[in-house]
Amino acid sequence: MRYKYKIYYSDRHRNQVMSCDPDTGKTEVEAQSLKDPYGLAIDNTGEILVSDKNSHRIVRLKKGNVEKIRTFDPDGHRKKHAVKYQDNPESPAGLFWEKGNSLLVCYSDDHTIYRVNKEGKLELVLGIPYARNYGFAGAAQEVKEEEIKNTPIHIPTSLVAKEDGTIFFIERGYQAVRKYEPKKGFASIFPLGLSHKFQNTKEILPKTNTNSYCAVFPTALAIEEDSLFLADGQHRCVYEIDLKSKEMTLVMQTSPNANKYGPGPVGIAMGKDKTLWVLDIAGNCLQGFQKTQEKHWKKVDAEFIFPQSAPLCGMGGTG
């Protein structure tokens, strides 16, 4: 099979952006000398956008060069506070390219999600534009919906969106996945009372007294039509969640014998041919999965094994 596209990911440990050709297994360095590159997105011209997290900026990779995207805050959301980076919110993390030439950005240390238009204008979508002391108790193994509903967001790290404006995002401060609908407000994705009747996969679920699932260490999201994909590093799994039926399907699970490098999947991206690519630290590999006619997920032949221990990575996209 010929894929005819590249897979891009951030090598955070080595401060560089990489690409992998699944047809040949060849990897290339796309950009270096960044400071904790995190999220990636491919814009409508095919250029790569990267959140250079510790430099508090978003950059565009253009013909091997790094070009900073200028952002500005004409509405004065941020100037009301004595913040250090008035026109560059702190620590951009997750990126998602919307149709209509706008970019959604999770600013993790700023506790906000902004929309950035093609001129660089910041539009506040969620959060309070200042890193206040919210008095959070820290990450929890289980999250009660009433505890996080209609509260300030805390350390957003990854996000995806539907065309109707619904946003799904990982909130590292709560170790939760949340949904925001412009007309309805916040809701937690878990617990949803989802069905988990997987054959021979009881080990993937946390030991609770209910059948509901709670993400322990959500690491990445992807979306394709009405399917939301979630990587859970602690459970070493990737799930597909049908947003209409609320049914949950296991896409992959790292072997228990392959966890010496760290947590499980840390990045996922959907290819234009509907191949779901998973960057798995525990398995020290990049591998793809496709849905069969029986609606099961099957591993494809293309797989890249890292020659050394897997870097601390994040998945961005394919193009």
C-alpha atoms as a PDB file:
ATOM      1  CA  MET A   1       0.000   0.000   0.000  1.00  0.00           C
ATOM      2  CA  ARG A   2       1.182   3.493  -0.822  1.00  0.00           C
ATOM      3  CA  TYR A   3       0.267   6.222   1.653  1.00  0.00           C
ATOM      4  CA  LYS A   4       1.769   9.157  -0.269  1.00  0.00           C
ATOM      5  CA  TYR A   5       1.983  11.457   2.735  1.00  0.00           C
ATOM      6  CA  LYS A   6       4.181  12.125   5.757  1.00  0.00           C
ATOM      7  CA  ILE A   7       3.490  11.880   9.469  1.00  0.00           C
ATOM      8  CA  TYR A   8       4.752  14.775  11.587  1.00  0.00           C
ATOM      9  CA  TYR A   9       5.512  14.709  15.298  1.00  0.00           C
ATOM     10  CA  SER A  10       7.303  16.742  17.945  1.00  0.00           C
ATOM     11  CA  ASP A  11      10.425  15.302  19.528  1.00  0.00           C
ATOM     12  CA  ARG A  12      10.196  17.320  22.729  1.00  0.00           C
ATOM     13  CA  HIS A  13      13.221  15.736  24.387  1.00  0.00           C
ATOM     14  CA  ARG A  14      15.503  16.786  21.517  1.00  0.00           C
ATOM     15  CA  ASN A  15      13.686  20.087  20.809  1.00  0.00           C
ATOM     16  CA  GLN A  16      12.961  19.290  17.190  1.00  0.00           C
ATOM     17  CA  VAL A  17      10.127  18.442  14.805  1.00  0.00           C
ATOM     18  CA  MET A  18      10.355  15.209  12.848  1.00  0.00           C
ATOM     19  CA  SER A  19       8.589  13.617   9.897  1.00  0.00           C
ATOM     20  CA  CYS A  20       8.239   9.976   8.939  1.00  0.00           C
ATOM     21  CA  ASP A  21       7.416   8.576   5.508  1.00  0.00           C
ATOM     22  CA  PRO A  22       5.291   5.440   6.165  1.00  0.00           C
ATOM     23  CA  ASP A  23       6.050   4.132   2.659  1.00  0.00           C
ATOM     24  CA  THR A  24       9.797   4.016   3.255  1.00  0.00           C
ATOM     25  CA  GLY A  25      10.159   4.291   7.045  1.00  0.00           C
ATOM     26  CA  LYS A  26      12.562   7.196   6.519  1.00  0.00           C
ATOM     27  CA  THR A  27      12.561   9.976   9.103  1.00  0.00           C
ATOM     28  CA  GLU A  28      13.713  13.548   8.638  1.00  0.00           C
ATOM     29  CA  VAL A  29      14.345  16.516  10.884  1.00  0.00           C
ATOM     30  CA  GLU A  30      11.953  19.320   9.888  1.00  0.00           C
ATOM     31  CA  ALA A  31      13.084  21.925  12.448  1.00  0.00           C
ATOM     32  CA  GLN A  32      15.584  22.204  15.304  1.00  0.00           C
ATOM     33  CA  SER A  33      16.561  24.613  18.095  1.00  0.00           C
ATOM     34  CA  LEU A  34      13.036  24.862  19.475  1.00  0.00           C
ATOM     35  CA  LYS A  35      12.169  24.885  23.178  1.00  0.00           C
ATOM     36  CA  ASP A  36       9.836  22.010  24.011  1.00  0.00           C
ATOM     37  CA  PRO A  37       7.870  21.833  20.735  1.00  0.00           C
ATOM     38  CA  TYR A  38       4.453  20.477  21.596  1.00  0.00           C
ATOM     39  CA  GLY A  39       1.372  20.536  19.359  1.00  0.00           C
ATOM     40  CA  LEU A  40       1.367  20.433  15.571  1.00  0.00           C
ATOM     41  CA  ALA A  41      -1.190  21.330  12.936  1.00  0.00           C
ATOM     42  CA  ILE A  42      -1.167  21.408   9.150  1.00  0.00           C
ATOM     43  CA  ASP A  43      -2.741  24.534   7.652  1.00  0.00           C
ATOM     44  CA  ASN A  44      -4.698  24.702   4.408  1.00  0.00           C
ATOM     45  CA  THR A  45      -1.530  25.397   2.406  1.00  0.00           C
ATOM     46  CA  GLY A  46       0.190  22.278   3.736  1.00  0.00           C
ATOM     47  CA  GLU A  47       2.596  24.206   5.961  1.00  0.00           C
ATOM     48  CA  ILE A  48       3.334  22.976   9.475  1.00  0.00           C
ATOM     49  CA  LEU A  49       2.377  25.028  12.525  1.00  0.00           C
ATOM     50  CA  VAL A  50       4.145  24.211  15.789  1.00  0.00           C
ATOM     51  CA  SER A  51       3.596  25.393  19.343  1.00  0.00           C
ATOM     52  CA  ASP A  52       7.094  26.261  20.610  1.00  0.00           C
ATOM     53  CA  LYS A  53       5.911  25.895  24.177  1.00  0.00           C
ATOM     54  CA  ASN A  54       8.764  27.211  26.301  1.00  0.00           C
ATOM     55  CA  SER A  55       9.400  30.094  23.899  1.00  0.00           C
ATOM     56  CA  HIS A  56       5.739  31.142  24.325  1.00  0.00           C
ATOM     57  CA  ARG A  57       5.161  31.372  20.594  1.00  0.00           C
ATOM     58  CA  ILE A  58       3.628  29.612  17.619  1.00  0.00           C
ATOM     59  CA  VAL A  59       5.846  29.105  14.597  1.00  0.00           C
ATOM     60  CA  ARG A  60       5.378  28.122  10.987  1.00  0.00           C
ATOM     61  CA  LEU A  61       7.861  25.790   9.349  1.00  0.00           C
ATOM     62  CA  LYS A  62       8.420  27.163   5.868  1.00  0.00           C
ATOM     63  CA  LYS A  63      11.003  25.563   3.592  1.00  0.00           C
ATOM     64  CA  GLY A  64      13.087  24.471   6.539  1.00  0.00           C
ATOM     65  CA  ASN A  65      12.930  27.862   8.255  1.00  0.00           C
ATOM     66  CA  VAL A  66      11.127  28.751  11.486  1.00  0.00           C
ATOM     67  CA  GLU A  67       8.848  31.769  11.155  1.00  0.00           C
ATOM     68  CA  LYS A  68       7.134  33.197  14.223  1.00  0.00           C
ATOM     69  CA  ILE A  69       3.404  33.859  13.962  1.00  0.00           C
ATOM     70  CA  ARG A  70       2.662  37.276  15.393  1.00  0.00           C
ATOM     71  CA  THR A  71      -0.295  37.409  17.769  1.00  0.00           C
ATOM     72  CA  PHE A  72      -1.985  40.499  19.186  1.00  0.00           C
ATOM     73  CA  ASP A  73      -4.863  41.249  21.545  1.00  0.00           C
ATOM     74  CA  PRO A  74      -6.857  44.222  20.240  1.00  0.00           C
ATOM     75  CA  ASP A  75      -9.846  43.522  22.498  1.00  0.00           C
ATOM     76  CA  GLY A  76      -7.796  43.997  25.660  1.00  0.00           C
ATOM     77  CA  HIS A  77      -8.585  40.680  27.329  1.00  0.00           C
ATOM     78  CA  ARG A  78      -5.053  40.297  28.587  1.00  0.00           C
ATOM     79  CA  LYS A  79      -4.115  43.924  29.226  1.00  0.00           C
ATOM     80  CA  LYS A  80      -6.411  44.001  32.245  1.00  0.00           C
ATOM     81  CA  HIS A  81      -3.856  41.829  34.054  1.00  0.00           C
ATOM     82  CA  ALA A  82      -0.175  42.299  34.797  1.00  0.00           C
ATOM     83  CA  VAL A  83       0.870  39.357  32.670  1.00  0.00           C
ATOM     84  CA  LYS A  84       4.345  38.817  31.351  1.00  0.00           C
ATOM     85  CA  TYR A  85       3.383  37.950  27.794  1.00  0.00           C
ATOM     86  CA  GLN A  86       0.544  40.330  26.941  1.00  0.00           C
ATOM     87  CA  ASP A  87       0.385  39.553  23.231  1.00  0.00           C
ATOM     88  CA  ASN A  88       1.805  36.044  23.527  1.00  0.00           C
ATOM     89  CA  PRO A  89      -0.131  33.935  26.060  1.00  0.00           C
ATOM     90  CA  GLU A  90       2.018  31.545  28.058  1.00  0.00           C
ATOM     91  CA  SER A  91       2.959  28.060  26.922  1.00  0.00           C
ATOM     92  CA  PRO A  92       1.011  27.184  23.762  1.00  0.00           C
ATOM     93  CA  ALA A  93       0.397  23.436  23.690  1.00  0.00           C
ATOM     94  CA  GLY A  94      -2.334  21.788  21.612  1.00  0.00           C
ATOM     95  CA  LEU A  95      -3.173  23.186  18.157  1.00  0.00           C
ATOM     96  CA  PHE A  96      -6.158  22.515  15.918  1.00  0.00           C
ATOM     97  CA  TRP A  97      -6.644  24.026  12.472  1.00  0.00           C
ATOM     98  CA  GLU A  98     -10.265  24.995  11.832  1.00  0.00           C
ATOM     99  CA  LYS A  99     -11.873  25.401   8.449  1.00  0.00           C
ATOM    100  CA  GLY A 100     -12.006  29.094   7.666  1.00  0.00           C
ATOM    101  CA  ASN A 101      -8.317  29.908   8.230  1.00  0.00           C
ATOM    102  CA  SER A 102      -8.367  30.068  12.029  1.00  0.00           C
ATOM    103  CA  LEU A 103      -6.301  28.198  14.590  1.00  0.00           C
ATOM    104  CA  LEU A 104      -7.455  26.987  18.014  1.00  0.00           C
ATOM    105  CA  VAL A 105      -4.682  27.017  20.623  1.00  0.00           C
ATOM    106  CA  CYS A 106      -4.480  25.587  24.142  1.00  0.00           C
ATOM    107  CA  TYR A 107      -2.296  27.873  26.276  1.00  0.00           C
ATOM    108  CA  SER A 108      -1.523  25.500  29.127  1.00  0.00           C
ATOM    109  CA  ASP A 109       0.135  27.809  31.679  1.00  0.00           C
ATOM    110  CA  ASP A 110      -2.269  30.622  30.797  1.00  0.00           C
ATOM    111  CA  HIS A 111      -5.274  28.324  31.432  1.00  0.00           C
ATOM    112  CA  THR A 112      -6.994  29.525  28.281  1.00  0.00           C
ATOM    113  CA  ILE A 113      -8.042  28.487  24.792  1.00  0.00           C
ATOM    114  CA  TYR A 114      -7.782  31.154  22.116  1.00  0.00           C
ATOM    115  CA  ARG A 115      -8.735  31.336  18.467  1.00  0.00           C
ATOM    116  CA  VAL A 116      -6.043  32.935  16.303  1.00  0.00           C
ATOM    117  CA  ASN A 117      -7.148  34.241  12.919  1.00  0.00           C
ATOM    118  CA  LYS A 118      -4.923  34.513   9.856  1.00  0.00           C
ATOM    119  CA  GLU A 119      -3.825  38.043  10.830  1.00  0.00           C
ATOM    120  CA  GLY A 120      -2.807  36.864  14.317  1.00  0.00           C
ATOM    121  CA  LYS A 121      -5.698  38.368  16.276  1.00  0.00           C
ATOM    122  CA  LEU A 122      -6.406  36.599  19.576  1.00  0.00           C
ATOM    123  CA  GLU A 123     -10.035  35.789  20.336  1.00  0.00           C
ATOM    124  CA  LEU A 124     -10.669  34.391  23.814  1.00  0.00           C
ATOM    125  CA  VAL A 125     -12.729  31.181  23.581  1.00  0.00           C
ATOM    126  CA  LEU A 126     -12.424  29.591  27.030  1.00  0.00           C
ATOM    127  CA  GLY A 127     -10.771  30.390  30.344  1.00  0.00           C
ATOM    128  CA  ILE A 128      -9.623  33.424  32.249  1.00  0.00           C
ATOM    129  CA  PRO A 129      -6.618  35.187  30.683  1.00  0.00           C
ATOM    130  CA  TYR A 130      -4.378  35.042  33.716  1.00  0.00           C
ATOM    131  CA  ALA A 131      -2.738  32.197  35.674  1.00  0.00           C
ATOM    132  CA  ARG A 132      -4.641  32.698  38.913  1.00  0.00           C
ATOM    133  CA  ASN A 133      -4.390  30.455  41.946  1.00  0.00           C
ATOM    134  CA  TYR A 134      -7.561  28.432  41.615  1.00  0.00           C
ATOM    135  CA  GLY A 135      -6.839  26.267  44.642  1.00  0.00           C
ATOM    136  CA  PHE A 136      -7.003  23.005  42.738  1.00  0.00           C
ATOM    137  CA  ALA A 137      -6.290  19.817  44.627  1.00  0.00           C
ATOM    138  CA  GLY A 138      -4.243  18.464  41.727  1.00  0.00           C
ATOM    139  CA  ALA A 139      -4.729  15.541  39.399  1.00  0.00           C
ATOM    140  CA  ALA A 140      -7.253  12.958  40.536  1.00  0.00           C
ATOM    141  CA  GLN A 141      -7.690   9.344  39.546  1.00  0.00           C
ATOM    142  CA  GLU A 142     -11.452   9.822  39.267  1.00  0.00           C
ATOM    143  CA  VAL A 143     -13.297  13.021  38.409  1.00  0.00           C
ATOM    144  CA  LYS A 144     -16.853  13.823  39.457  1.00  0.00           C
ATOM    145  CA  GLU A 145     -18.744  15.748  36.822  1.00  0.00           C
ATOM    146  CA  GLU A 146     -20.245  18.232  39.273  1.00  0.00           C
ATOM    147  CA  GLU A 147     -16.747  19.177  40.451  1.00  0.00           C
ATOM    148  CA  ILE A 148     -15.579  20.399  37.070  1.00  0.00           C
ATOM    149  CA  LYS A 149     -18.742  21.697  35.440  1.00  0.00           C
ATOM    150  CA  ASN A 150     -18.756  25.459  34.797  1.00  0.00           C
ATOM    151  CA  THR A 151     -15.399  26.060  36.482  1.00  0.00           C
ATOM    152  CA  PRO A 152     -12.270  27.786  35.122  1.00  0.00           C
ATOM    153  CA  ILE A 153     -10.253  25.501  32.900  1.00  0.00           C
ATOM    154  CA  HIS A 154      -6.902  24.353  34.252  1.00  0.00           C
ATOM    155  CA  ILE A 155      -3.879  23.417  32.096  1.00  0.00           C
ATOM    156  CA  PRO A 156      -5.485  22.571  28.735  1.00  0.00           C
ATOM    157  CA  THR A 157      -3.021  20.586  26.623  1.00  0.00           C
ATOM    158  CA  SER A 158      -4.763  19.122  23.565  1.00  0.00           C
ATOM    159  CA  LEU A 159      -7.937  19.893  21.640  1.00  0.00           C
ATOM    160  CA  VAL A 160     -10.062  19.099  18.601  1.00  0.00           C
ATOM    161  CA  ALA A 161     -13.270  20.687  17.308  1.00  0.00           C
ATOM    162  CA  LYS A 162     -16.317  19.917  15.193  1.00  0.00           C
ATOM    163  CA  GLU A 163     -17.645  22.191  12.466  1.00  0.00           C
ATOM    164  CA  ASP A 164     -20.525  23.305  14.710  1.00  0.00           C
ATOM    165  CA  GLY A 165     -18.033  24.845  17.159  1.00  0.00           C
ATOM    166  CA  THR A 166     -18.084  22.055  19.745  1.00  0.00           C
ATOM    167  CA  ILE A 167     -14.638  21.724  21.331  1.00  0.00           C
ATOM    168  CA  PHE A 168     -13.199  18.659  23.047  1.00  0.00           C
ATOM    169  CA  PHE A 169     -10.074  19.231  25.113  1.00  0.00           C
ATOM    170  CA  ILE A 170      -7.772  17.520  27.594  1.00  0.00           C
ATOM    171  CA  GLU A 171      -7.474  19.308  30.898  1.00  0.00           C
ATOM    172  CA  ARG A 172      -4.268  18.203  32.547  1.00  0.00           C
ATOM    173  CA  GLY A 173      -5.106  19.887  35.856  1.00  0.00           C
ATOM    174  CA  TYR A 174      -7.994  17.471  36.332  1.00  0.00           C
ATOM    175  CA  GLN A 175      -6.686  14.637  34.130  1.00  0.00           C
ATOM    176  CA  ALA A 176     -10.045  14.879  32.382  1.00  0.00           C
ATOM    177  CA  VAL A 177     -11.533  15.252  28.918  1.00  0.00           C
ATOM    178  CA  ARG A 178     -14.129  17.991  28.622  1.00  0.00           C
ATOM    179  CA  LYS A 179     -16.608  19.120  26.010  1.00  0.00           C
ATOM    180  CA  TYR A 180     -17.646  22.716  25.371  1.00  0.00           C
ATOM    181  CA  GLU A 181     -20.639  23.631  23.227  1.00  0.00           C
ATOM    182  CA  PRO A 182     -21.074  27.354  22.511  1.00  0.00           C
ATOM    183  CA  LYS A 183     -24.828  27.248  23.244  1.00  0.00           C
ATOM    184  CA  LYS A 184     -24.763  24.770  26.151  1.00  0.00           C
ATOM    185  CA  GLY A 185     -21.492  25.366  27.961  1.00  0.00           C
ATOM    186  CA  PHE A 186     -19.282  22.758  29.620  1.00  0.00           C
ATOM    187  CA  ALA A 187     -19.754  19.056  30.177  1.00  0.00           C
ATOM    188  CA  SER A 188     -17.370  16.290  31.117  1.00  0.00           C
ATOM    189  CA  ILE A 189     -16.916  13.470  28.647  1.00  0.00           C
ATOM    190  CA  PHE A 190     -16.403  10.925  31.387  1.00  0.00           C
ATOM    191  CA  PRO A 191     -18.188   9.296  33.008  1.00  0.00           C
ATOM    192  CA  LEU A 192     -20.643   8.669  30.200  1.00  0.00           C
ATOM    193  CA  GLY A 193     -21.837   5.236  31.216  1.00  0.00           C
ATOM    194  CA  LEU A 194     -20.202   3.779  28.126  1.00  0.00           C
ATOM    195  CA  SER A 195     -20.275   0.104  27.268  1.00  0.00           C
ATOM    196  CA  HIS A 196     -16.981  -1.755  27.779  1.00  0.00           C
ATOM    197  CA  LYS A 197     -17.858  -5.280  26.702  1.00  0.00           C
ATOM    198  CA  PHE A 198     -14.556  -5.967  24.996  1.00  0.00           C
ATOM    199  CA  GLN A 199     -13.479  -9.568  24.668  1.00  0.00           C
ATOM    200  CA  ASN A 200     -10.379 -10.469  26.707  1.00  0.00           C
ATOM    201  CA  THR A 201      -9.586  -6.837  27.493  1.00  0.00           C
ATOM    202  CA  LYS A 202     -10.602  -6.491  31.135  1.00  0.00           C
ATOM    203  CA  GLU A 203      -7.090  -5.350  32.035  1.00  0.00           C
ATOM    204  CA  ILE A 204      -7.512  -2.094  30.105  1.00  0.00           C
ATOM    205  CA  LEU A 205     -10.178  -0.764  32.460  1.00  0.00           C
ATOM    206  CA  PRO A 206      -9.574   0.860  35.856  1.00  0.00           C
ATOM    207  CA  LYS A 207     -10.771  -1.055  38.897  1.00  0.00           C
ATOM    208  CA  THR A 208     -13.933   0.790  39.916  1.00  0.00           C
ATOM    209  CA  ASN A 209     -17.313  -0.184  41.299  1.00  0.00           C
ATOM    210  CA  THR A 210     -19.102   1.024  38.174  1.00  0.00           C
ATOM    211  CA  ASN A 211     -18.974   0.273  34.478  1.00  0.00           C
ATOM    212  CA  SER A 212     -18.102   3.861  33.583  1.00  0.00           C
ATOM    213  CA  TYR A 213     -14.672   4.780  32.313  1.00  0.00           C
ATOM    214  CA  CYS A 214     -12.521   7.594  33.666  1.00  0.00           C
ATOM    215  CA  ALA A 215      -9.414   8.676  31.791  1.00  0.00           C
ATOM    216  CA  VAL A 216      -6.405   8.361  34.098  1.00  0.00           C
ATOM    217  CA  PHE A 217      -3.742   9.967  31.912  1.00  0.00           C
ATOM    218  CA  PRO A 218      -5.278  11.354  28.688  1.00  0.00           C
ATOM    219  CA  THR A 219      -2.506  12.374  26.308  1.00  0.00           C
ATOM    220  CA  ALA A 220      -3.947  13.139  22.868  1.00  0.00           C
ATOM    221  CA  LEU A 221      -7.153  13.596  20.872  1.00  0.00           C
ATOM    222  CA  ALA A 222      -8.127  13.243  17.227  1.00  0.00           C
ATOM    223  CA  ILE A 223     -11.484  13.620  15.507  1.00  0.00           C
ATOM    224  CA  GLU A 224     -12.964  12.301  12.289  1.00  0.00           C
ATOM    225  CA  GLU A 225     -16.599  13.129  11.540  1.00  0.00           C
ATOM    226  CA  ASP A 226     -18.575  11.728  14.525  1.00  0.00           C
ATOM    227  CA  SER A 227     -15.713   9.714  16.019  1.00  0.00           C
ATOM    228  CA  LEU A 228     -13.524  11.072  18.807  1.00  0.00           C
ATOM    229  CA  PHE A 229     -10.217   9.259  19.370  1.00  0.00           C
ATOM    230  CA  LEU A 230      -8.552   9.347  22.774  1.00  0.00           C
ATOM    231  CA  ALA A 231      -5.082   8.156  23.780  1.00  0.00           C
ATOM    232  CA  ASP A 232      -4.731   7.150  27.433  1.00  0.00           C
ATOM    233  CA  GLY A 233      -1.078   6.765  28.390  1.00  0.00           C
ATOM    234  CA  GLN A 234      -1.721   5.110  31.751  1.00  0.00           C
ATOM    235  CA  HIS A 235      -3.948   2.374  30.317  1.00  0.00           C
ATOM    236  CA  ARG A 236      -1.668   2.107  27.256  1.00  0.00           C
ATOM    237  CA  CYS A 237      -4.727   2.295  24.974  1.00  0.00           C
ATOM    238  CA  VAL A 238      -6.352   4.274  22.188  1.00  0.00           C
ATOM    239  CA  TYR A 239     -10.151   4.364  22.106  1.00  0.00           C
ATOM    240  CA  GLU A 240     -12.705   5.385  19.499  1.00  0.00           C
ATOM    241  CA  ILE A 241     -15.809   7.069  20.929  1.00  0.00           C
ATOM    242  CA  ASP A 242     -18.885   7.322  18.725  1.00  0.00           C
ATOM    243  CA  LEU A 243     -20.260  10.765  19.579  1.00  0.00           C
ATOM    244  CA  LYS A 244     -23.769   9.796  18.474  1.00  0.00           C
ATOM    245  CA  SER A 245     -24.240   6.377  20.061  1.00  0.00           C
ATOM    246  CA  LYS A 246     -21.762   7.003  22.946  1.00  0.00           C
ATOM    247  CA  GLU A 247     -20.280   3.563  22.283  1.00  0.00           C
ATOM    248  CA  MET A 248     -16.591   3.041  22.937  1.00  0.00           C
ATOM    249  CA  THR A 249     -14.281   0.788  20.927  1.00  0.00           C
ATOM    250  CA  LEU A 250     -10.737  -0.272  21.642  1.00  0.00           C
ATOM    251  CA  VAL A 251      -8.434   0.632  18.744  1.00  0.00           C
ATOM    252  CA  MET A 252      -5.152  -0.641  20.194  1.00  0.00           C
ATOM    253  CA  GLN A 253      -3.415  -1.561  23.413  1.00  0.00           C
ATOM    254  CA  THR A 254       0.314  -1.709  24.035  1.00  0.00           C
ATOM    255  CA  SER A 255       1.592  -5.076  25.147  1.00  0.00           C
ATOM    256  CA  PRO A 256       2.195  -5.226  28.929  1.00  0.00           C
ATOM    257  CA  ASN A 257       5.719  -6.424  28.134  1.00  0.00           C
ATOM    258  CA  ALA A 258       6.533  -3.279  26.147  1.00  0.00           C
ATOM    259  CA  ASN A 259       6.287  -0.562  28.763  1.00  0.00           C
ATOM    260  CA  LYS A 260       9.923  -0.101  29.732  1.00  0.00           C
ATOM    261  CA  TYR A 261      10.218   3.251  27.941  1.00  0.00           C
ATOM    262  CA  GLY A 262       7.378   5.024  29.714  1.00  0.00           C
ATOM    263  CA  PRO A 263       3.599   5.469  29.375  1.00  0.00           C
ATOM    264  CA  GLY A 264       1.715   4.240  26.365  1.00  0.00           C
ATOM    265  CA  PRO A 265       0.361   6.226  23.392  1.00  0.00           C
ATOM    266  CA  VAL A 266       1.223   9.940  23.540  1.00  0.00           C
ATOM    267  CA  GLY A 267       0.114  11.069  20.090  1.00  0.00           C
ATOM    268  CA  ILE A 268      -2.507  10.213  17.466  1.00  0.00           C
ATOM    269  CA  ALA A 269      -3.282  11.608  14.023  1.00  0.00           C
ATOM    270  CA  MET A 270      -5.732  10.646  11.294  1.00  0.00           C
ATOM    271  CA  GLY A 271      -4.366  10.294   7.773  1.00  0.00           C
ATOM    272  CA  LYS A 272      -6.303  11.361   4.692  1.00  0.00           C
ATOM    273  CA  ASP A 273      -6.779   7.662   3.873  1.00  0.00           C
ATOM    274  CA  LYS A 274      -8.494   7.073   7.276  1.00  0.00           C
ATOM    275  CA  THR A 275      -5.413   5.422   8.771  1.00  0.00           C
ATOM    276  CA  LEU A 276      -5.099   6.298  12.460  1.00  0.00           C
ATOM    277  CA  TRP A 277      -1.418   6.739  13.347  1.00  0.00           C
ATOM    278  CA  VAL A 278      -0.354   6.157  16.947  1.00  0.00           C
ATOM    279  CA  LEU A 279       2.916   7.269  18.489  1.00  0.00           C
ATOM    280  CA  ASP A 280       3.498   4.788  21.295  1.00  0.00           C
ATOM    281  CA  ILE A 281       6.304   5.467  23.771  1.00  0.00           C
ATOM    282  CA  ALA A 282       5.778   2.187  25.624  1.00  0.00           C
ATOM    283  CA  GLY A 283       6.087   0.185  22.407  1.00  0.00           C
ATOM    284  CA  ASN A 284       8.892   2.460  21.157  1.00  0.00           C
ATOM    285  CA  CYS A 285       7.161   2.705  17.781  1.00  0.00           C
ATOM    286  CA  LEU A 286       4.929   4.567  15.361  1.00  0.00           C
ATOM    287  CA  GLN A 287       2.182   2.365  13.944  1.00  0.00           C
ATOM    288  CA  GLY A 288      -1.037   2.687  11.952  1.00  0.00           C
ATOM    289  CA  PHE A 289      -4.522   1.189  12.275  1.00  0.00           C
ATOM    290  CA  GLN A 290      -7.437   0.939   9.838  1.00  0.00           C
ATOM    291  CA  LYS A 291     -11.059  -0.002  10.412  1.00  0.00           C
ATOM    292  CA  THR A 292     -12.254  -3.207   8.743  1.00  0.00           C
ATOM    293  CA  GLN A 293     -15.670  -3.842   7.221  1.00  0.00           C
ATOM    294  CA  GLU A 294     -16.591  -5.532  10.495  1.00  0.00           C
ATOM    295  CA  LYS A 295     -15.790  -2.207  12.234  1.00  0.00           C
ATOM    296  CA  HIS A 296     -12.786  -3.611  14.059  1.00  0.00           C
ATOM    297  CA  TRP A 297      -9.423  -1.884  14.024  1.00  0.00           C
ATOM    298  CA  LYS A 298      -6.560  -3.753  12.378  1.00  0.00           C
ATOM    299  CA  LYS A 299      -2.892  -2.886  12.446  1.00  0.00           C
ATOM    300  CA  VAL A 300      -1.412  -1.993   9.038  1.00  0.00           C
ATOM    301  CA  ASP A 301       1.888  -3.334   7.747  1.00  0.00           C
ATOM    302  CA  ALA A 302       3.721  -0.008   7.994  1.00  0.00           C
ATOM    303  CA  GLU A 303       5.481   0.405  11.335  1.00  0.00           C
ATOM    304  CA  PHE A 304       8.484   2.427  12.418  1.00  0.00           C
ATOM    305  CA  ILE A 305      10.566   1.262  15.381  1.00  0.00           C
ATOM    306  CA  PHE A 306      12.703   3.926  16.996  1.00  0.00           C
ATOM    307  CA  PRO A 307      16.380   2.890  16.805  1.00  0.00           C
ATOM    308  CA  GLN A 308      16.904   4.038  20.391  1.00  0.00           C
ATOM    309  CA  SER A 309      14.555   4.682  23.279  1.00  0.00           C
ATOM    310  CA  ALA A 310      11.484   6.616  22.176  1.00  0.00           C
ATOM    311  CA  PRO A 311      11.705  10.394  22.578  1.00  0.00           C
ATOM    312  CA  LEU A 312       9.169  12.399  24.541  1.00  0.00           C
ATOM    313  CA  CYS A 313       6.857  13.148  21.638  1.00  0.00           C
ATOM    314  CA  GLY A 314       3.554  14.642  20.627  1.00  0.00           C
ATOM    315  CA  MET A 315       1.603  13.913  17.473  1.00  0.00           C
ATOM    316  CA  GLY A 316       0.506  16.690  15.171  1.00  0.00           C
ATOM    317  CA  GLY A 317      -0.812  15.575  11.853  1.00  0.00           C
ATOM    318  CA  THR A 318      -0.289  14.112   8.399  1.00  0.00           C
ATOM    319  CA  GLY A 319       0.132  15.838   5.092  1.00  0.00           C
END
